[in-house]
Amino acid sequence: MRTNTPILFVTTLSSFLTAFMGSAINIAMPAIGLELEMNAVELGWVSNAYLLAAAVFLLPFGRISDIYGRKVFFISGILVFVLASIISALAFSPPILLFARVLNGAGGALIYSTAIALLTSSYPREERGRVLGINVASVYLGLSLGPIVSGFLILYFGWRSIFVFTALLSIIIVPIALKKLKTEFKKANREKFDLKGSLIYGLSLALIVYSFPTLPASGSILLLILGIIGFTAFIYYEGKIDNPLIAIGKFRKNHLFIFSNIAAFINYSATFALVFLLSLYLQQVLKLPPHMAGMILMAQPVTMTIFSPIAGKLSDRIEPSLVASMGMFVTVVGLFAFTTLDKTDGVWFIVAILIILGMGFALFSSPNTNAVMSSVKQAEYGVASSVLGTMRLTGQTISMGISMLVFALMMKESGKSIDNTDELLSAIKTSFLVFALLSVAGVFFSLKRGKMRP
């Protein structure tokens, strides 16, 4: 029996890498804000620029990889990630840093759009829950190590060292992938790439996300309306052409696919800004040093790392929608608990809630991924993986957008500085309340999807 261990290894390592960068940058926010003189809303864009770029490029890259093969795009993503990390380390102004983060997002999109598709196509249906659980665990391991490693790097070498470390970690993957990554699925009959649809999709998404932090200004409302109109036009256009970016007609009746992706979107919309908010809370409100904040924030991803393989294996035996819905419900409980934060909360209270949230995320993520990838044919793995990744990244972008909107509305123009702890704490608690209510809707859609197995 052939072994797929090399594919599991390189895809798992790349998933670790992108997750590590995502969590590490959040710990660096206060240090970046101090050196580059950026306020709370501007710091939100350091994270959001990456997420927006990744979300814009993910679906088109997934479609291209389905047509031309995934290996070359996977390795290209790693190389772009290295280049972006180097530019970020050398950035001495906000515009250069934001440009590097956009480039970082493009590299991340190349990785996201191919890694899960490569992994799923290499394992039989009855083993997917297990290997996807391992892959999800690697993501959470990256999230676990990101805060603590970056905390110590910032303490001793400054925030730029995070990007240097990530570049070195990234370049190790390239020779391993070139040597070991041999099996990939290619379509026998290459189809045309939908460039027009990709442009409409990317521009519409960018308009929506860009409008969030400055709502309810009239200009922002106009951008939001234009973005929604663009998405409507995209859906109509995709249903009319022969080789669409996403075959909407094929997925329209696939309720398992549709509602699993909606559940993923809501889950990430309600949870991604958690680390960003708690990083500001721990370092600015409780006045903890970055390495201490990193150690506290490890509680959530460590819990996810432990329970994700168990949850993935559980979804091979028990209906994935039930396991995922249970995870979403646990997440609701944790988010509501964080609406009670104040200036005197003990560290152990925060750690306990992070453990609860970690269990909720673990129970949701790998079973939900299993449900999505098992609901489509092999020829559609790239697009399915990219749609799921787009839901994740768009959700993460919206999550940061909601936080930035709350900051903009609740913190006066003169008080947007992260040093204003009273207004900062109020904005953080309000953000958690919005996210908790959003997660309640997520439970509904998670249950609505139906069953993967008869």
Protein backbone atom coordinates (compact mmCIF):
# COMPACT_ATOMS: atom_id res chain seq x y z
CA MET A 1 0.00 0.00 0.00
CA ARG A 2 1.47 3.34 -1.02
CA THR A 3 2.24 5.91 1.62
CA ASN A 4 1.21 9.56 1.44
CA THR A 5 3.29 10.65 4.42
CA PRO A 6 5.41 13.18 2.42
CA ILE A 7 2.24 14.96 1.22
CA LEU A 8 0.85 15.01 4.74
CA PHE A 9 4.18 16.35 6.02
CA VAL A 10 4.63 19.28 3.58
CA THR A 11 0.98 20.37 3.68
CA THR A 12 0.95 20.16 7.47
CA LEU A 13 4.18 22.14 7.73
CA SER A 14 2.85 24.87 5.43
CA SER A 15 -0.38 25.07 7.43
CA PHE A 16 1.70 25.49 10.58
CA LEU A 17 3.66 28.29 8.92
CA THR A 18 0.71 30.44 7.86
CA ALA A 19 -0.96 30.00 11.25
CA PHE A 20 2.22 30.89 13.11
CA MET A 21 2.52 34.18 11.25
CA GLY A 22 -1.14 34.98 11.87
CA SER A 23 -0.88 34.65 15.65
CA ALA A 24 2.63 36.08 15.96
CA ILE A 25 1.71 39.39 14.30
CA ASN A 26 -1.10 40.02 16.80
CA ILE A 27 1.33 39.97 19.74
CA ALA A 28 3.51 42.47 17.87
CA MET A 29 0.71 45.03 17.36
CA PRO A 30 1.50 47.28 20.35
CA ALA A 31 5.23 47.31 19.47
CA ILE A 32 4.50 48.07 15.81
CA GLY A 33 2.06 50.81 16.80
CA LEU A 34 4.65 52.43 19.06
CA GLU A 35 7.50 52.40 16.54
CA LEU A 36 5.51 53.29 13.41
CA GLU A 37 3.04 55.60 15.24
CA MET A 38 -0.12 53.71 14.22
CA ASN A 39 -3.44 53.94 16.10
CA ALA A 40 -5.84 51.08 16.88
CA VAL A 41 -7.73 51.24 13.57
CA GLU A 42 -4.50 51.45 11.55
CA LEU A 43 -3.07 48.48 13.43
CA GLY A 44 -6.17 46.53 12.48
CA TRP A 45 -5.17 46.99 8.84
CA VAL A 46 -1.79 45.33 9.48
CA SER A 47 -3.77 42.14 10.02
CA ASN A 48 -6.61 42.95 7.63
CA ALA A 49 -4.37 43.74 4.62
CA TYR A 50 -3.07 40.17 4.75
CA LEU A 51 -6.52 38.65 5.18
CA LEU A 52 -8.13 40.74 2.43
CA ALA A 53 -5.41 39.91 -0.11
CA ALA A 54 -5.62 36.22 0.74
CA ALA A 55 -9.42 36.23 0.42
CA VAL A 56 -9.32 38.09 -2.93
CA PHE A 57 -6.78 35.73 -4.51
CA LEU A 58 -7.78 32.43 -2.93
CA LEU A 59 -10.70 31.41 -5.15
CA PRO A 60 -8.97 32.38 -8.44
CA PHE A 61 -5.78 30.55 -7.41
CA GLY A 62 -7.81 27.49 -6.45
CA ARG A 63 -9.46 27.45 -9.86
CA ILE A 64 -6.14 27.87 -11.68
CA SER A 65 -4.58 25.05 -9.66
CA ASP A 66 -7.48 22.74 -10.60
CA ILE A 67 -6.78 23.47 -14.27
CA TYR A 68 -2.97 23.47 -14.38
CA GLY A 69 -1.95 21.35 -11.39
CA ARG A 70 -1.36 22.19 -7.73
CA LYS A 71 2.29 21.45 -6.98
CA VAL A 72 3.78 24.46 -8.79
CA PHE A 73 1.31 26.86 -7.16
CA PHE A 74 1.93 25.38 -3.71
CA ILE A 75 5.69 25.90 -3.99
CA SER A 76 5.22 29.37 -5.52
CA GLY A 77 3.12 30.31 -2.49
CA ILE A 78 5.95 29.38 -0.13
CA LEU A 79 8.43 31.50 -2.14
CA VAL A 80 6.10 34.54 -2.18
CA PHE A 81 5.61 34.10 1.56
CA VAL A 82 9.40 34.24 2.07
CA LEU A 83 9.74 37.41 -0.02
CA ALA A 84 6.88 39.14 1.79
CA SER A 85 8.36 38.28 5.20
CA ILE A 86 11.71 39.80 4.19
CA ILE A 87 10.06 43.04 3.00
CA SER A 88 8.02 43.20 6.24
CA ALA A 89 11.20 42.86 8.30
CA LEU A 90 12.74 45.79 6.41
CA ALA A 91 9.62 48.02 6.45
CA PHE A 92 10.21 51.41 8.09
CA SER A 93 6.86 53.05 7.30
CA PRO A 94 3.20 51.96 7.51
CA PRO A 95 2.65 51.94 3.69
CA ILE A 96 5.61 49.61 3.08
CA LEU A 97 4.50 47.29 5.87
CA LEU A 98 0.93 47.20 4.52
CA PHE A 99 2.23 46.46 0.99
CA ALA A 100 4.28 43.58 2.36
CA ARG A 101 1.25 42.25 4.21
CA VAL A 102 -0.76 42.29 0.95
CA LEU A 103 2.04 40.31 -0.72
CA ASN A 104 2.05 37.99 2.29
CA GLY A 105 -1.67 37.42 1.73
CA ALA A 106 -1.14 36.55 -1.94
CA GLY A 107 1.43 33.93 -0.92
CA GLY A 108 -0.91 32.62 1.73
CA ALA A 109 -3.68 32.29 -0.87
CA LEU A 110 -1.44 30.13 -3.06
CA ILE A 111 -0.78 27.86 -0.07
CA TYR A 112 -4.38 27.74 1.19
CA SER A 113 -5.82 26.98 -2.27
CA THR A 114 -3.60 23.94 -2.82
CA ALA A 115 -2.64 22.37 0.52
CA ILE A 116 -6.00 20.92 1.57
CA ALA A 117 -6.80 19.89 -2.01
CA LEU A 118 -3.47 18.02 -2.27
CA LEU A 119 -4.10 16.34 1.06
CA THR A 120 -7.73 15.39 0.41
CA SER A 121 -7.00 13.90 -3.04
CA SER A 122 -4.24 11.71 -1.55
CA TYR A 123 -6.33 9.87 1.06
CA PRO A 124 -9.45 7.67 0.82
CA ARG A 125 -12.74 8.96 2.19
CA GLU A 126 -12.58 6.84 5.35
CA GLU A 127 -9.20 8.38 6.38
CA ARG A 128 -9.86 12.03 5.58
CA GLY A 129 -11.18 12.95 9.00
CA ARG A 130 -7.96 11.69 10.59
CA VAL A 131 -5.51 13.46 8.24
CA LEU A 132 -7.56 16.66 8.16
CA GLY A 133 -7.57 16.53 11.95
CA ILE A 134 -3.77 16.34 11.88
CA ASN A 135 -3.64 19.26 9.46
CA VAL A 136 -5.98 21.34 11.62
CA ALA A 137 -3.86 20.42 14.65
CA SER A 138 -0.79 21.80 12.87
CA VAL A 139 -2.67 25.06 12.33
CA TYR A 140 -3.44 25.26 16.02
CA LEU A 141 0.12 24.32 16.93
CA GLY A 142 1.24 27.30 14.84
CA LEU A 143 -1.31 29.44 16.65
CA SER A 144 0.00 28.05 19.95
CA LEU A 145 3.67 28.75 19.34
CA GLY A 146 3.08 32.09 17.61
CA PRO A 147 2.26 34.15 20.72
CA ILE A 148 4.95 32.72 22.99
CA VAL A 149 7.76 32.63 20.39
CA SER A 150 6.92 36.11 19.11
CA GLY A 151 6.66 37.42 22.67
CA PHE A 152 10.25 36.40 23.42
CA LEU A 153 11.48 37.52 19.99
CA ILE A 154 9.96 40.97 20.57
CA LEU A 155 11.41 41.12 24.07
CA TYR A 156 14.99 40.38 22.97
CA PHE A 157 15.20 41.32 19.27
CA GLY A 158 12.21 43.56 18.43
CA TRP A 159 9.10 42.94 16.32
CA ARG A 160 11.02 42.71 13.02
CA SER A 161 12.63 39.48 14.16
CA ILE A 162 9.24 37.74 13.81
CA PHE A 163 9.37 38.19 10.04
CA VAL A 164 13.01 37.08 9.86
CA PHE A 165 12.15 33.94 11.81
CA THR A 166 9.17 33.24 9.55
CA ALA A 167 11.26 33.69 6.37
CA LEU A 168 13.82 31.18 7.65
CA LEU A 169 11.06 28.75 8.59
CA SER A 170 9.42 29.15 5.17
CA ILE A 171 12.51 28.53 3.06
CA ILE A 172 13.04 25.12 4.70
CA ILE A 173 9.79 23.88 3.13
CA VAL A 174 10.86 24.53 -0.50
CA PRO A 175 13.49 21.78 -1.00
CA ILE A 176 11.34 19.28 0.90
CA ALA A 177 8.32 20.07 -1.29
CA LEU A 178 10.36 19.90 -4.50
CA LYS A 179 11.74 16.50 -3.56
CA LYS A 180 8.80 14.85 -1.81
CA LEU A 181 5.66 16.35 -3.33
CA LYS A 182 5.13 14.15 -6.36
CA THR A 183 1.44 13.25 -6.52
CA GLU A 184 -1.08 15.85 -7.66
CA PHE A 185 -4.38 15.83 -9.51
CA LYS A 186 -4.57 17.54 -12.91
CA LYS A 187 -7.62 17.91 -15.09
CA ALA A 188 -7.32 15.97 -18.34
CA ASN A 189 -9.15 18.63 -20.35
CA ARG A 190 -7.94 22.08 -19.40
CA GLU A 191 -10.66 24.70 -19.26
CA LYS A 192 -10.45 28.45 -19.66
CA PHE A 193 -9.78 30.58 -16.60
CA ASP A 194 -12.53 33.08 -15.72
CA LEU A 195 -10.51 36.30 -15.53
CA LYS A 196 -13.50 38.65 -15.75
CA GLY A 197 -15.33 36.86 -12.94
CA SER A 198 -12.17 36.92 -10.81
CA LEU A 199 -11.84 40.68 -11.22
CA ILE A 200 -15.50 41.31 -10.34
CA TYR A 201 -15.21 39.04 -7.31
CA GLY A 202 -11.95 40.55 -6.02
CA LEU A 203 -13.03 44.16 -6.47
CA SER A 204 -16.42 43.55 -4.83
CA LEU A 205 -14.84 41.88 -1.80
CA ALA A 206 -12.26 44.66 -1.45
CA LEU A 207 -14.96 47.35 -1.55
CA ILE A 208 -16.99 45.64 1.19
CA VAL A 209 -14.05 45.07 3.53
CA TYR A 210 -12.55 48.53 2.95
CA SER A 211 -15.86 50.19 3.82
CA PHE A 212 -16.22 48.56 7.27
CA PRO A 213 -13.83 50.59 9.49
CA THR A 214 -15.28 53.96 8.46
CA LEU A 215 -19.01 53.15 8.57
CA PRO A 216 -21.50 54.85 8.85
CA ALA A 217 -19.88 57.64 6.79
CA SER A 218 -21.72 58.28 3.52
CA GLY A 219 -18.69 57.40 1.40
CA SER A 220 -18.32 54.07 3.20
CA ILE A 221 -22.00 53.25 2.75
CA LEU A 222 -21.59 53.89 -0.99
CA LEU A 223 -18.58 51.54 -1.15
CA LEU A 224 -20.52 48.87 0.74
CA ILE A 225 -23.49 49.17 -1.64
CA LEU A 226 -21.19 48.98 -4.68
CA GLY A 227 -19.54 45.88 -3.24
CA ILE A 228 -22.89 44.16 -2.66
CA ILE A 229 -24.02 45.06 -6.19
CA GLY A 230 -20.74 43.67 -7.49
CA PHE A 231 -21.26 40.37 -5.68
CA THR A 232 -24.80 40.14 -7.05
CA ALA A 233 -23.46 40.72 -10.57
CA PHE A 234 -20.76 38.10 -9.95
CA ILE A 235 -23.30 35.44 -8.97
CA TYR A 236 -25.46 36.23 -12.02
CA TYR A 237 -22.44 36.24 -14.38
CA GLU A 238 -21.07 32.95 -13.04
CA GLY A 239 -24.35 31.22 -13.77
CA LYS A 240 -24.27 32.28 -17.44
CA ILE A 241 -20.75 31.33 -18.65
CA ASP A 242 -19.31 27.95 -19.65
CA ASN A 243 -16.16 27.96 -17.50
CA PRO A 244 -17.00 29.94 -14.35
CA LEU A 245 -14.68 30.70 -11.47
CA ILE A 246 -17.09 28.69 -9.32
CA ALA A 247 -19.79 26.49 -10.76
CA ILE A 248 -22.64 27.91 -8.72
CA GLY A 249 -25.18 25.67 -10.46
CA LYS A 250 -23.38 22.53 -9.29
CA PHE A 251 -23.33 23.62 -5.66
CA ARG A 252 -26.78 25.23 -5.50
CA LYS A 253 -28.52 21.99 -4.50
CA ASN A 254 -25.63 20.75 -2.38
CA HIS A 255 -27.01 21.86 1.00
CA LEU A 256 -24.24 20.13 2.92
CA PHE A 257 -21.62 22.13 1.01
CA ILE A 258 -23.50 25.45 1.21
CA PHE A 259 -24.44 25.41 4.89
CA SER A 260 -21.07 23.99 5.99
CA ASN A 261 -19.38 26.95 4.28
CA ILE A 262 -21.84 29.42 5.81
CA ALA A 263 -21.15 27.91 9.23
CA ALA A 264 -17.40 28.27 8.64
CA PHE A 265 -17.85 31.90 7.58
CA ILE A 266 -19.83 32.75 10.71
CA ASN A 267 -17.42 30.85 12.97
CA TYR A 268 -14.37 32.74 11.72
CA SER A 269 -16.26 36.06 11.61
CA ALA A 270 -17.05 35.62 15.30
CA THR A 271 -13.72 34.31 16.54
CA PHE A 272 -10.70 35.50 14.56
CA ALA A 273 -10.36 38.93 16.20
CA LEU A 274 -10.15 37.19 19.60
CA VAL A 275 -6.34 37.17 19.73
CA PHE A 276 -6.11 40.75 18.43
CA LEU A 277 -8.54 41.97 21.11
CA LEU A 278 -6.97 40.00 23.95
CA SER A 279 -3.46 41.04 22.91
CA LEU A 280 -4.49 44.69 23.32
CA TYR A 281 -6.35 43.88 26.56
CA LEU A 282 -3.46 42.00 28.19
CA GLN A 283 -0.73 44.44 27.14
CA GLN A 284 -2.57 47.77 27.30
CA VAL A 285 -5.24 47.28 29.99
CA LEU A 286 -3.51 44.77 32.31
CA LYS A 287 -0.03 46.12 31.40
CA LEU A 288 1.53 42.69 30.90
CA PRO A 289 4.77 42.36 28.86
CA PRO A 290 4.47 40.74 25.39
CA HIS A 291 6.03 37.39 26.37
CA MET A 292 3.57 37.05 29.29
CA ALA A 293 0.64 37.90 27.01
CA GLY A 294 1.90 35.30 24.56
CA MET A 295 2.07 32.62 27.23
CA ILE A 296 -1.52 33.33 28.32
CA LEU A 297 -2.84 33.30 24.75
CA MET A 298 -1.24 29.89 24.19
CA ALA A 299 -3.99 28.27 26.25
CA GLN A 300 -6.52 28.38 23.41
CA PRO A 301 -4.43 27.01 20.50
CA VAL A 302 -2.74 24.38 22.70
CA THR A 303 -6.20 23.08 23.58
CA MET A 304 -7.12 23.10 19.89
CA THR A 305 -3.91 21.22 19.00
CA ILE A 306 -4.76 18.47 21.48
CA PHE A 307 -8.43 18.06 20.59
CA SER A 308 -8.44 18.63 16.79
CA PRO A 309 -7.15 15.16 15.81
CA ILE A 310 -9.64 13.64 18.26
CA ALA A 311 -12.47 15.71 16.77
CA GLY A 312 -11.40 14.80 13.23
CA LYS A 313 -11.33 11.10 14.05
CA LEU A 314 -14.67 11.46 15.85
CA SER A 315 -16.18 12.90 12.66
CA ASP A 316 -15.17 9.69 10.83
CA ARG A 317 -17.50 7.77 13.18
CA ILE A 318 -20.17 10.29 14.24
CA GLU A 319 -22.09 12.66 11.98
CA PRO A 320 -19.71 15.64 11.39
CA SER A 321 -22.52 18.23 11.51
CA LEU A 322 -23.40 17.22 15.06
CA VAL A 323 -19.79 17.40 16.26
CA ALA A 324 -19.30 20.79 14.56
CA SER A 325 -22.55 22.18 15.98
CA MET A 326 -21.51 21.14 19.46
CA GLY A 327 -18.26 23.03 18.93
CA MET A 328 -20.10 26.16 17.82
CA PHE A 329 -22.31 26.06 20.92
CA VAL A 330 -19.25 25.83 23.21
CA THR A 331 -17.82 28.84 21.36
CA VAL A 332 -20.96 30.88 22.15
CA VAL A 333 -20.47 30.20 25.87
CA GLY A 334 -16.83 31.30 25.79
CA LEU A 335 -17.47 34.52 23.86
CA PHE A 336 -20.25 35.61 26.21
CA ALA A 337 -17.87 35.05 29.15
CA PHE A 338 -15.41 37.57 27.67
CA THR A 339 -18.06 40.32 27.66
CA THR A 340 -17.48 40.59 31.45
CA LEU A 341 -13.80 41.61 31.21
CA ASP A 342 -12.62 44.45 33.48
CA LYS A 343 -9.35 45.94 34.73
CA THR A 344 -9.06 43.52 37.65
CA ASP A 345 -9.70 40.14 35.99
CA GLY A 346 -7.25 37.44 37.01
CA VAL A 347 -5.06 35.63 34.51
CA TRP A 348 -6.58 32.27 35.41
CA PHE A 349 -10.07 33.45 34.44
CA ILE A 350 -8.81 34.37 30.99
CA VAL A 351 -6.91 31.08 30.63
CA ALA A 352 -9.99 29.06 31.65
CA ILE A 353 -12.20 30.77 29.04
CA LEU A 354 -9.50 30.35 26.37
CA ILE A 355 -9.44 26.60 27.11
CA ILE A 356 -13.22 26.45 26.68
CA LEU A 357 -12.98 28.32 23.39
CA GLY A 358 -10.12 26.07 22.27
CA MET A 359 -12.32 23.02 22.76
CA GLY A 360 -15.14 24.69 20.84
CA PHE A 361 -12.89 25.59 17.90
CA ALA A 362 -11.42 22.07 17.77
CA LEU A 363 -14.82 20.40 17.77
CA PHE A 364 -15.97 22.66 14.93
CA SER A 365 -13.03 23.01 12.51
CA SER A 366 -11.90 19.56 11.37
CA PRO A 367 -15.43 17.98 11.30
CA ASN A 368 -16.67 20.98 9.30
CA THR A 369 -13.75 20.65 6.86
CA ASN A 370 -14.47 16.94 6.57
CA ALA A 371 -18.12 17.69 5.72
CA VAL A 372 -17.18 20.23 3.02
CA MET A 373 -14.54 18.14 1.25
CA SER A 374 -16.62 14.95 1.37
CA SER A 375 -19.59 16.69 -0.25
CA VAL A 376 -17.87 17.20 -3.65
CA LYS A 377 -16.16 15.14 -6.36
CA GLN A 378 -12.37 14.85 -6.68
CA ALA A 379 -12.29 17.13 -9.74
CA GLU A 380 -13.79 19.89 -7.56
CA TYR A 381 -11.41 19.55 -4.59
CA GLY A 382 -9.39 22.63 -5.52
CA VAL A 383 -12.44 24.88 -5.83
CA ALA A 384 -14.10 23.34 -2.75
CA SER A 385 -10.92 23.85 -0.73
CA SER A 386 -10.67 27.41 -2.03
CA VAL A 387 -14.33 28.19 -1.27
CA LEU A 388 -13.84 26.92 2.28
CA GLY A 389 -10.60 28.88 2.56
CA THR A 390 -12.36 31.96 1.19
CA MET A 391 -15.08 31.58 3.82
CA ARG A 392 -12.36 31.33 6.46
CA LEU A 393 -10.35 34.31 5.23
CA THR A 394 -13.38 36.46 4.42
CA GLY A 395 -14.77 35.62 7.84
CA GLN A 396 -11.47 36.55 9.45
CA THR A 397 -11.42 39.79 7.48
CA ILE A 398 -14.98 40.62 8.53
CA SER A 399 -14.05 39.75 12.13
CA MET A 400 -11.26 42.31 12.08
CA GLY A 401 -13.55 44.73 10.23
CA ILE A 402 -16.19 44.44 12.96
CA SER A 403 -13.56 45.14 15.62
CA MET A 404 -12.23 48.12 13.68
CA LEU A 405 -15.78 49.43 13.21
CA VAL A 406 -16.46 49.13 16.95
CA PHE A 407 -13.19 50.94 17.71
CA ALA A 408 -14.02 53.70 15.23
CA LEU A 409 -17.53 54.20 16.65
CA MET A 410 -16.72 53.92 20.37
CA MET A 411 -13.32 55.61 20.54
CA LYS A 412 -13.34 59.30 19.69
CA GLU A 413 -10.89 60.56 17.09
CA SER A 414 -8.61 61.89 19.82
CA GLY A 415 -8.92 58.65 21.76
CA LYS A 416 -8.11 56.06 19.10
CA SER A 417 -4.69 55.66 20.67
CA ILE A 418 -4.34 52.26 22.32
CA ASP A 419 -3.12 54.07 25.45
CA ASN A 420 -6.71 55.17 26.24
CA THR A 421 -7.51 52.10 28.34
CA ASP A 422 -11.06 53.02 29.42
CA GLU A 423 -12.42 53.44 25.89
CA LEU A 424 -10.26 50.56 24.65
CA LEU A 425 -11.76 48.17 27.25
CA SER A 426 -15.32 49.24 26.37
CA ALA A 427 -14.65 48.66 22.68
CA ILE A 428 -13.15 45.23 23.37
CA LYS A 429 -16.14 44.11 25.47
CA THR A 430 -18.61 45.39 22.88
CA SER A 431 -16.76 43.49 20.16
CA PHE A 432 -17.05 40.25 22.16
CA LEU A 433 -20.78 40.82 22.61
CA VAL A 434 -21.28 41.25 18.85
CA PHE A 435 -19.25 38.09 18.19
CA ALA A 436 -21.19 36.05 20.76
CA LEU A 437 -24.51 37.00 19.15
CA LEU A 438 -23.09 36.18 15.72
CA SER A 439 -22.07 32.71 16.95
CA VAL A 440 -25.66 31.99 18.00
CA ALA A 441 -26.61 32.30 14.32
CA GLY A 442 -23.69 30.00 13.52
CA VAL A 443 -25.21 27.21 15.61
CA PHE A 444 -28.40 27.43 13.54
CA PHE A 445 -26.60 27.15 10.18
CA SER A 446 -24.38 24.36 11.45
CA LEU A 447 -27.45 22.30 12.35
CA LYS A 448 -29.26 23.33 9.15
CA ARG A 449 -26.74 21.66 6.82
CA GLY A 450 -28.18 18.15 7.22
CA LYS A 451 -26.23 14.90 7.42
CA MET A 452 -23.15 13.83 5.47
CA ARG A 453 -24.05 10.15 5.92
CA PRO A 454 -27.45 8.52 5.27
